[in-house]
Amino acid sequence: MIVLGLTGSIAMGKSTTAQMLRNMGVPVHDSDVAVHAALGPNGVAVAPVAALFPAAYDVTNNSIDRHILGQIVFGDAQQKTALEAILHPIVRDMQQQFLAGCKAKGSKIVVLDIPLLYETGGEARVDKVIVASCPSFLQRMRAMARPGMTEAKFQAILAAQMPDAEKRKRADFIVQTGLGRPHAQAALNKIIASLQTGQSHDQNSNDLPPRP
């Protein structure tokens, strides 16, 4: 079974790329969804997170208020690190359960959608990496259109993420999301087809550069 890591900086089109892969029948595990479940009602992360950040605990449904939690850790590196020390092992365990289930079903290719894949060393746990990317001006437009986004928040998120240029340099495959969905879909079709047949891509392709 081939395990692909899918990543990309904020507003680069990663989530859309993940949905395209699902539509192709490729199983995708979403780390963000896993975190939401872990912090949701009776989630596995509720107790340890509530112990560390009691102000974020919602007693009405035994969950963590992610908005309050975000306000607590935003801009506080120490608090953020403490939260990640709780959440990252939980998400990795969920990923392993997902992979085990896919393997039992006979899946040939699966995807782990991990926003901070390179930042957390996640590339060591996958066979190949796809990076979703777009021009920086389009990234900014997409990001600033999101509810509650501010310039300060956008810059803080960028500062916490590996630069897009470095991600593209490390990637096995790049999917350009700024040229329209048909273009991105064609790139994904080529990636999956080549992995299914064991063929390598044209090394001159702008979408699919080999890892240096």
C-alpha atoms as a PDB file:
ATOM      1  CA  MET A   1       0.000   0.000   0.000  1.00  0.00           C
ATOM      2  CA  ILE A   2       1.367   3.394  -1.014  1.00  0.00           C
ATOM      3  CA  VAL A   3       0.899   6.143   1.579  1.00  0.00           C
ATOM      4  CA  LEU A   4       0.842   9.653   0.151  1.00  0.00           C
ATOM      5  CA  GLY A   5       1.240  12.730   2.299  1.00  0.00           C
ATOM      6  CA  LEU A   6      -0.759  15.747   1.169  1.00  0.00           C
ATOM      7  CA  THR A   7       0.216  19.158   2.458  1.00  0.00           C
ATOM      8  CA  GLY A   8       0.277  22.827   1.564  1.00  0.00           C
ATOM      9  CA  SER A   9       0.430  26.192   3.265  1.00  0.00           C
ATOM     10  CA  ILE A  10      -2.657  28.159   4.254  1.00  0.00           C
ATOM     11  CA  ALA A  11      -5.087  28.869   1.377  1.00  0.00           C
ATOM     12  CA  MET A  12      -3.006  26.950  -1.149  1.00  0.00           C
ATOM     13  CA  GLY A  13      -5.866  24.636  -2.137  1.00  0.00           C
ATOM     14  CA  LYS A  14      -4.981  21.573  -0.075  1.00  0.00           C
ATOM     15  CA  SER A  15      -8.536  20.855   1.061  1.00  0.00           C
ATOM     16  CA  THR A  16      -9.868  21.101  -2.488  1.00  0.00           C
ATOM     17  CA  THR A  17      -7.104  18.781  -3.650  1.00  0.00           C
ATOM     18  CA  ALA A  18      -8.014  16.308  -0.911  1.00  0.00           C
ATOM     19  CA  GLN A  19     -11.655  16.323  -2.018  1.00  0.00           C
ATOM     20  CA  MET A  20     -10.611  15.684  -5.608  1.00  0.00           C
ATOM     21  CA  LEU A  21      -8.676  12.634  -4.444  1.00  0.00           C
ATOM     22  CA  ARG A  22     -11.703  11.383  -2.501  1.00  0.00           C
ATOM     23  CA  ASN A  23     -13.815  11.821  -5.609  1.00  0.00           C
ATOM     24  CA  MET A  24     -11.310   9.618  -7.424  1.00  0.00           C
ATOM     25  CA  GLY A  25     -11.923   6.894  -4.860  1.00  0.00           C
ATOM     26  CA  VAL A  26      -8.672   7.389  -2.957  1.00  0.00           C
ATOM     27  CA  PRO A  27      -9.118   7.107   0.845  1.00  0.00           C
ATOM     28  CA  VAL A  28      -8.064  10.338   2.578  1.00  0.00           C
ATOM     29  CA  HIS A  29      -7.457  10.891   6.285  1.00  0.00           C
ATOM     30  CA  ASP A  30      -7.906  14.534   7.282  1.00  0.00           C
ATOM     31  CA  SER A  31      -5.795  15.559  10.279  1.00  0.00           C
ATOM     32  CA  ASP A  32      -7.890  18.680  10.876  1.00  0.00           C
ATOM     33  CA  VAL A  33     -11.072  16.608  11.060  1.00  0.00           C
ATOM     34  CA  ALA A  34      -9.306  14.245  13.451  1.00  0.00           C
ATOM     35  CA  VAL A  35      -8.400  17.165  15.732  1.00  0.00           C
ATOM     36  CA  HIS A  36     -11.975  18.437  15.677  1.00  0.00           C
ATOM     37  CA  ALA A  37     -13.236  14.990  16.666  1.00  0.00           C
ATOM     38  CA  ALA A  38     -10.642  14.683  19.415  1.00  0.00           C
ATOM     39  CA  LEU A  39     -11.699  18.035  20.870  1.00  0.00           C
ATOM     40  CA  GLY A  40     -15.411  17.487  20.272  1.00  0.00           C
ATOM     41  CA  PRO A  41     -18.007  16.050  22.677  1.00  0.00           C
ATOM     42  CA  ASN A  42     -16.426  13.219  24.675  1.00  0.00           C
ATOM     43  CA  GLY A  43     -13.348  13.336  22.420  1.00  0.00           C
ATOM     44  CA  VAL A  44     -10.153  11.607  23.455  1.00  0.00           C
ATOM     45  CA  ALA A  45      -8.286  14.902  23.817  1.00  0.00           C
ATOM     46  CA  VAL A  46     -10.904  16.675  25.909  1.00  0.00           C
ATOM     47  CA  ALA A  47      -9.649  15.620  29.349  1.00  0.00           C
ATOM     48  CA  PRO A  48      -5.924  16.381  28.869  1.00  0.00           C
ATOM     49  CA  VAL A  49      -6.599  19.647  27.028  1.00  0.00           C
ATOM     50  CA  ALA A  50      -9.157  20.752  29.626  1.00  0.00           C
ATOM     51  CA  ALA A  51      -6.646  20.046  32.379  1.00  0.00           C
ATOM     52  CA  LEU A  52      -4.099  22.311  30.708  1.00  0.00           C
ATOM     53  CA  PHE A  53      -6.519  24.949  29.399  1.00  0.00           C
ATOM     54  CA  PRO A  54      -9.533  24.934  31.764  1.00  0.00           C
ATOM     55  CA  ALA A  55     -10.915  28.167  30.311  1.00  0.00           C
ATOM     56  CA  ALA A  56     -11.548  26.364  27.014  1.00  0.00           C
ATOM     57  CA  TYR A  57     -13.535  23.515  28.567  1.00  0.00           C
ATOM     58  CA  ASP A  58     -17.229  23.415  27.671  1.00  0.00           C
ATOM     59  CA  VAL A  59     -18.958  21.576  30.504  1.00  0.00           C
ATOM     60  CA  THR A  60     -22.304  21.503  28.703  1.00  0.00           C
ATOM     61  CA  ASN A  61     -21.193  18.792  26.277  1.00  0.00           C
ATOM     62  CA  ASN A  62     -17.786  17.718  27.595  1.00  0.00           C
ATOM     63  CA  SER A  63     -15.849  19.302  24.765  1.00  0.00           C
ATOM     64  CA  ILE A  64     -13.244  21.971  24.083  1.00  0.00           C
ATOM     65  CA  ASP A  65     -14.305  25.335  22.716  1.00  0.00           C
ATOM     66  CA  ARG A  66     -11.841  25.617  19.841  1.00  0.00           C
ATOM     67  CA  HIS A  67     -12.448  29.358  19.461  1.00  0.00           C
ATOM     68  CA  ILE A  68     -11.420  30.025  23.052  1.00  0.00           C
ATOM     69  CA  LEU A  69      -8.560  27.569  22.769  1.00  0.00           C
ATOM     70  CA  GLY A  70      -7.325  29.347  19.673  1.00  0.00           C
ATOM     71  CA  GLN A  71      -7.373  32.689  21.456  1.00  0.00           C
ATOM     72  CA  ILE A  72      -5.290  31.215  24.274  1.00  0.00           C
ATOM     73  CA  VAL A  73      -2.552  29.679  22.149  1.00  0.00           C
ATOM     74  CA  PHE A  74      -2.465  32.174  19.263  1.00  0.00           C
ATOM     75  CA  GLY A  75       0.834  34.017  19.416  1.00  0.00           C
ATOM     76  CA  ASP A  76       2.009  32.081  22.472  1.00  0.00           C
ATOM     77  CA  ALA A  77       4.655  29.620  21.340  1.00  0.00           C
ATOM     78  CA  GLN A  78       4.925  27.898  24.715  1.00  0.00           C
ATOM     79  CA  GLN A  79       1.195  27.293  24.999  1.00  0.00           C
ATOM     80  CA  LYS A  80       1.015  26.152  21.380  1.00  0.00           C
ATOM     81  CA  THR A  81       3.821  23.662  21.921  1.00  0.00           C
ATOM     82  CA  ALA A  82       2.088  22.299  25.009  1.00  0.00           C
ATOM     83  CA  LEU A  83      -1.141  21.819  23.054  1.00  0.00           C
ATOM     84  CA  GLU A  84       0.646  20.136  20.167  1.00  0.00           C
ATOM     85  CA  ALA A  85       2.314  17.731  22.602  1.00  0.00           C
ATOM     86  CA  ILE A  86      -1.181  16.489  23.432  1.00  0.00           C
ATOM     87  CA  LEU A  87      -2.781  16.562  19.999  1.00  0.00           C
ATOM     88  CA  HIS A  88      -0.048  15.300  17.692  1.00  0.00           C
ATOM     89  CA  PRO A  89       0.294  11.818  19.259  1.00  0.00           C
ATOM     90  CA  ILE A  90      -3.496  11.457  19.254  1.00  0.00           C
ATOM     91  CA  VAL A  91      -3.729  12.365  15.580  1.00  0.00           C
ATOM     92  CA  ARG A  92      -0.869  10.006  14.700  1.00  0.00           C
ATOM     93  CA  ASP A  93      -2.705   7.206  16.464  1.00  0.00           C
ATOM     94  CA  MET A  94      -5.829   8.005  14.450  1.00  0.00           C
ATOM     95  CA  GLN A  95      -3.761   7.950  11.271  1.00  0.00           C
ATOM     96  CA  GLN A  96      -2.393   4.525  12.139  1.00  0.00           C
ATOM     97  CA  GLN A  97      -5.908   3.223  12.743  1.00  0.00           C
ATOM     98  CA  PHE A  98      -6.967   4.642   9.383  1.00  0.00           C
ATOM     99  CA  LEU A  99      -4.014   3.030   7.604  1.00  0.00           C
ATOM    100  CA  ALA A 100      -4.652  -0.318   9.258  1.00  0.00           C
ATOM    101  CA  GLY A 101      -8.276  -0.191   8.167  1.00  0.00           C
ATOM    102  CA  CYS A 102      -7.327   0.708   4.589  1.00  0.00           C
ATOM    103  CA  LYS A 103      -4.768  -2.080   4.440  1.00  0.00           C
ATOM    104  CA  ALA A 104      -7.346  -4.587   5.678  1.00  0.00           C
ATOM    105  CA  LYS A 105      -9.675  -3.458   2.892  1.00  0.00           C
ATOM    106  CA  GLY A 106      -6.943  -3.937   0.289  1.00  0.00           C
ATOM    107  CA  SER A 107      -6.469  -0.269  -0.604  1.00  0.00           C
ATOM    108  CA  LYS A 108      -3.529   0.283  -2.935  1.00  0.00           C
ATOM    109  CA  ILE A 109      -3.092   4.042  -2.467  1.00  0.00           C
ATOM    110  CA  VAL A 110      -4.143   6.150   0.532  1.00  0.00           C
ATOM    111  CA  VAL A 111      -3.587   9.756   1.539  1.00  0.00           C
ATOM    112  CA  LEU A 112      -2.755  11.416   4.833  1.00  0.00           C
ATOM    113  CA  ASP A 113      -3.836  15.062   4.650  1.00  0.00           C
ATOM    114  CA  ILE A 114      -1.447  16.786   7.083  1.00  0.00           C
ATOM    115  CA  PRO A 115      -1.292  20.616   7.108  1.00  0.00           C
ATOM    116  CA  LEU A 116       2.045  20.739   8.964  1.00  0.00           C
ATOM    117  CA  LEU A 117       3.549  17.615   7.413  1.00  0.00           C
ATOM    118  CA  TYR A 118       7.066  18.967   6.912  1.00  0.00           C
ATOM    119  CA  GLU A 119       6.988  21.102  10.037  1.00  0.00           C
ATOM    120  CA  THR A 120       6.314  18.018  12.198  1.00  0.00           C
ATOM    121  CA  GLY A 121       8.550  15.533  10.375  1.00  0.00           C
ATOM    122  CA  GLY A 122       5.554  13.747   8.894  1.00  0.00           C
ATOM    123  CA  GLU A 123       7.321  13.060   5.606  1.00  0.00           C
ATOM    124  CA  ALA A 124       9.134  10.204   7.355  1.00  0.00           C
ATOM    125  CA  ARG A 125       5.797   8.410   7.772  1.00  0.00           C
ATOM    126  CA  VAL A 126       4.711   8.533   4.120  1.00  0.00           C
ATOM    127  CA  ASP A 127       6.079   7.154   0.866  1.00  0.00           C
ATOM    128  CA  LYS A 128       5.584  10.224  -1.327  1.00  0.00           C
ATOM    129  CA  VAL A 129       4.493  13.815  -0.746  1.00  0.00           C
ATOM    130  CA  ILE A 130       2.073  15.934  -2.773  1.00  0.00           C
ATOM    131  CA  VAL A 131       2.232  19.683  -2.186  1.00  0.00           C
ATOM    132  CA  ALA A 132      -0.712  21.872  -3.186  1.00  0.00           C
ATOM    133  CA  SER A 133       0.534  25.281  -4.268  1.00  0.00           C
ATOM    134  CA  CYS A 134      -0.556  28.517  -5.929  1.00  0.00           C
ATOM    135  CA  PRO A 135       0.918  32.002  -6.465  1.00  0.00           C
ATOM    136  CA  SER A 136       1.307  34.073  -3.320  1.00  0.00           C
ATOM    137  CA  PHE A 137      -1.101  36.788  -4.490  1.00  0.00           C
ATOM    138  CA  LEU A 138      -3.848  34.182  -4.899  1.00  0.00           C
ATOM    139  CA  GLN A 139      -2.988  32.629  -1.552  1.00  0.00           C
ATOM    140  CA  ARG A 140      -3.436  36.020   0.107  1.00  0.00           C
ATOM    141  CA  MET A 141      -6.752  36.648  -1.647  1.00  0.00           C
ATOM    142  CA  ARG A 142      -8.097  33.274  -0.567  1.00  0.00           C
ATOM    143  CA  ALA A 143      -6.861  33.632   3.003  1.00  0.00           C
ATOM    144  CA  MET A 144      -8.112  37.158   3.567  1.00  0.00           C
ATOM    145  CA  ALA A 145     -11.567  36.151   2.324  1.00  0.00           C
ATOM    146  CA  ARG A 146     -11.924  33.697   5.198  1.00  0.00           C
ATOM    147  CA  PRO A 147     -14.183  34.732   8.109  1.00  0.00           C
ATOM    148  CA  GLY A 148     -12.240  36.258  10.979  1.00  0.00           C
ATOM    149  CA  MET A 149      -8.959  36.481   9.081  1.00  0.00           C
ATOM    150  CA  THR A 150      -6.804  39.538   9.712  1.00  0.00           C
ATOM    151  CA  GLU A 151      -3.460  40.598   8.332  1.00  0.00           C
ATOM    152  CA  ALA A 152      -1.801  39.932  11.688  1.00  0.00           C
ATOM    153  CA  LYS A 153      -3.304  36.466  11.913  1.00  0.00           C
ATOM    154  CA  PHE A 154      -2.358  35.667   8.329  1.00  0.00           C
ATOM    155  CA  GLN A 155       1.243  36.712   8.904  1.00  0.00           C
ATOM    156  CA  ALA A 156       1.416  34.715  12.146  1.00  0.00           C
ATOM    157  CA  ILE A 157       0.162  31.593  10.366  1.00  0.00           C
ATOM    158  CA  LEU A 158       2.689  32.050   7.558  1.00  0.00           C
ATOM    159  CA  ALA A 159       5.468  32.480  10.109  1.00  0.00           C
ATOM    160  CA  ALA A 160       4.561  29.153  11.705  1.00  0.00           C
ATOM    161  CA  GLN A 161       4.615  27.309   8.384  1.00  0.00           C
ATOM    162  CA  MET A 162       7.490  26.257   6.177  1.00  0.00           C
ATOM    163  CA  PRO A 163       7.693  28.580   3.150  1.00  0.00           C
ATOM    164  CA  ASP A 164       5.868  27.318   0.082  1.00  0.00           C
ATOM    165  CA  ALA A 165       9.080  27.436  -1.972  1.00  0.00           C
ATOM    166  CA  GLU A 166      10.780  25.056   0.444  1.00  0.00           C
ATOM    167  CA  LYS A 167       7.803  22.695   0.433  1.00  0.00           C
ATOM    168  CA  ARG A 168       7.815  22.617  -3.353  1.00  0.00           C
ATOM    169  CA  LYS A 169      11.547  21.932  -3.322  1.00  0.00           C
ATOM    170  CA  ARG A 170      11.046  18.913  -1.054  1.00  0.00           C
ATOM    171  CA  ALA A 171       7.898  17.578  -2.709  1.00  0.00           C
ATOM    172  CA  ASP A 172       7.673  14.487  -4.862  1.00  0.00           C
ATOM    173  CA  PHE A 173       4.684  15.995  -6.678  1.00  0.00           C
ATOM    174  CA  ILE A 174       3.280  19.521  -6.940  1.00  0.00           C
ATOM    175  CA  VAL A 175      -0.328  20.265  -7.799  1.00  0.00           C
ATOM    176  CA  GLN A 176      -0.825  23.832  -8.990  1.00  0.00           C
ATOM    177  CA  THR A 177      -4.260  24.930  -7.761  1.00  0.00           C
ATOM    178  CA  GLY A 178      -4.226  28.432  -9.228  1.00  0.00           C
ATOM    179  CA  LEU A 179      -4.861  27.343 -12.816  1.00  0.00           C
ATOM    180  CA  GLY A 180      -8.375  26.007 -12.305  1.00  0.00           C
ATOM    181  CA  ARG A 181      -9.800  22.709 -11.139  1.00  0.00           C
ATOM    182  CA  PRO A 182      -9.471  20.908 -14.500  1.00  0.00           C
ATOM    183  CA  HIS A 183      -5.728  21.572 -14.453  1.00  0.00           C
ATOM    184  CA  ALA A 184      -5.370  20.344 -10.871  1.00  0.00           C
ATOM    185  CA  GLN A 185      -7.529  17.310 -11.597  1.00  0.00           C
ATOM    186  CA  ALA A 186      -5.410  16.397 -14.612  1.00  0.00           C
ATOM    187  CA  ALA A 187      -2.286  16.579 -12.456  1.00  0.00           C
ATOM    188  CA  LEU A 188      -3.833  14.310  -9.823  1.00  0.00           C
ATOM    189  CA  ASN A 189      -4.956  11.860 -12.484  1.00  0.00           C
ATOM    190  CA  LYS A 190      -1.371  11.615 -13.723  1.00  0.00           C
ATOM    191  CA  ILE A 191       0.005  11.159 -10.208  1.00  0.00           C
ATOM    192  CA  ILE A 192      -2.381   8.370  -9.269  1.00  0.00           C
ATOM    193  CA  ALA A 193      -2.091   6.627 -12.633  1.00  0.00           C
ATOM    194  CA  SER A 194       1.700   6.624 -12.467  1.00  0.00           C
ATOM    195  CA  LEU A 195       1.707   5.230  -8.940  1.00  0.00           C
ATOM    196  CA  GLN A 196      -0.768   2.531  -9.905  1.00  0.00           C
ATOM    197  CA  THR A 197       1.407   1.432 -12.816  1.00  0.00           C
ATOM    198  CA  GLY A 198       4.744   2.071 -11.158  1.00  0.00           C
ATOM    199  CA  GLN A 199       5.771   4.499 -13.878  1.00  0.00           C
ATOM    200  CA  SER A 200       7.660   7.714 -13.246  1.00  0.00           C
ATOM    201  CA  HIS A 201       6.484  11.117 -14.440  1.00  0.00           C
ATOM    202  CA  ASP A 202       8.081  13.285 -17.062  1.00  0.00           C
ATOM    203  CA  GLN A 203      10.746  15.091 -15.080  1.00  0.00           C
ATOM    204  CA  ASN A 204      10.166  18.243 -17.127  1.00  0.00           C
ATOM    205  CA  SER A 205       6.563  18.585 -15.970  1.00  0.00           C
ATOM    206  CA  ASN A 206       5.860  21.811 -14.067  1.00  0.00           C
ATOM    207  CA  ASP A 207       3.239  20.034 -11.986  1.00  0.00           C
ATOM    208  CA  LEU A 208       5.193  16.968 -11.096  1.00  0.00           C
ATOM    209  CA  PRO A 209       8.863  17.684 -10.420  1.00  0.00           C
ATOM    210  CA  PRO A 210      10.988  14.861  -9.017  1.00  0.00           C
ATOM    211  CA  ARG A 211      12.422  15.207  -5.533  1.00  0.00           C
ATOM    212  CA  PRO A 212      15.984  16.525  -5.804  1.00  0.00           C
END
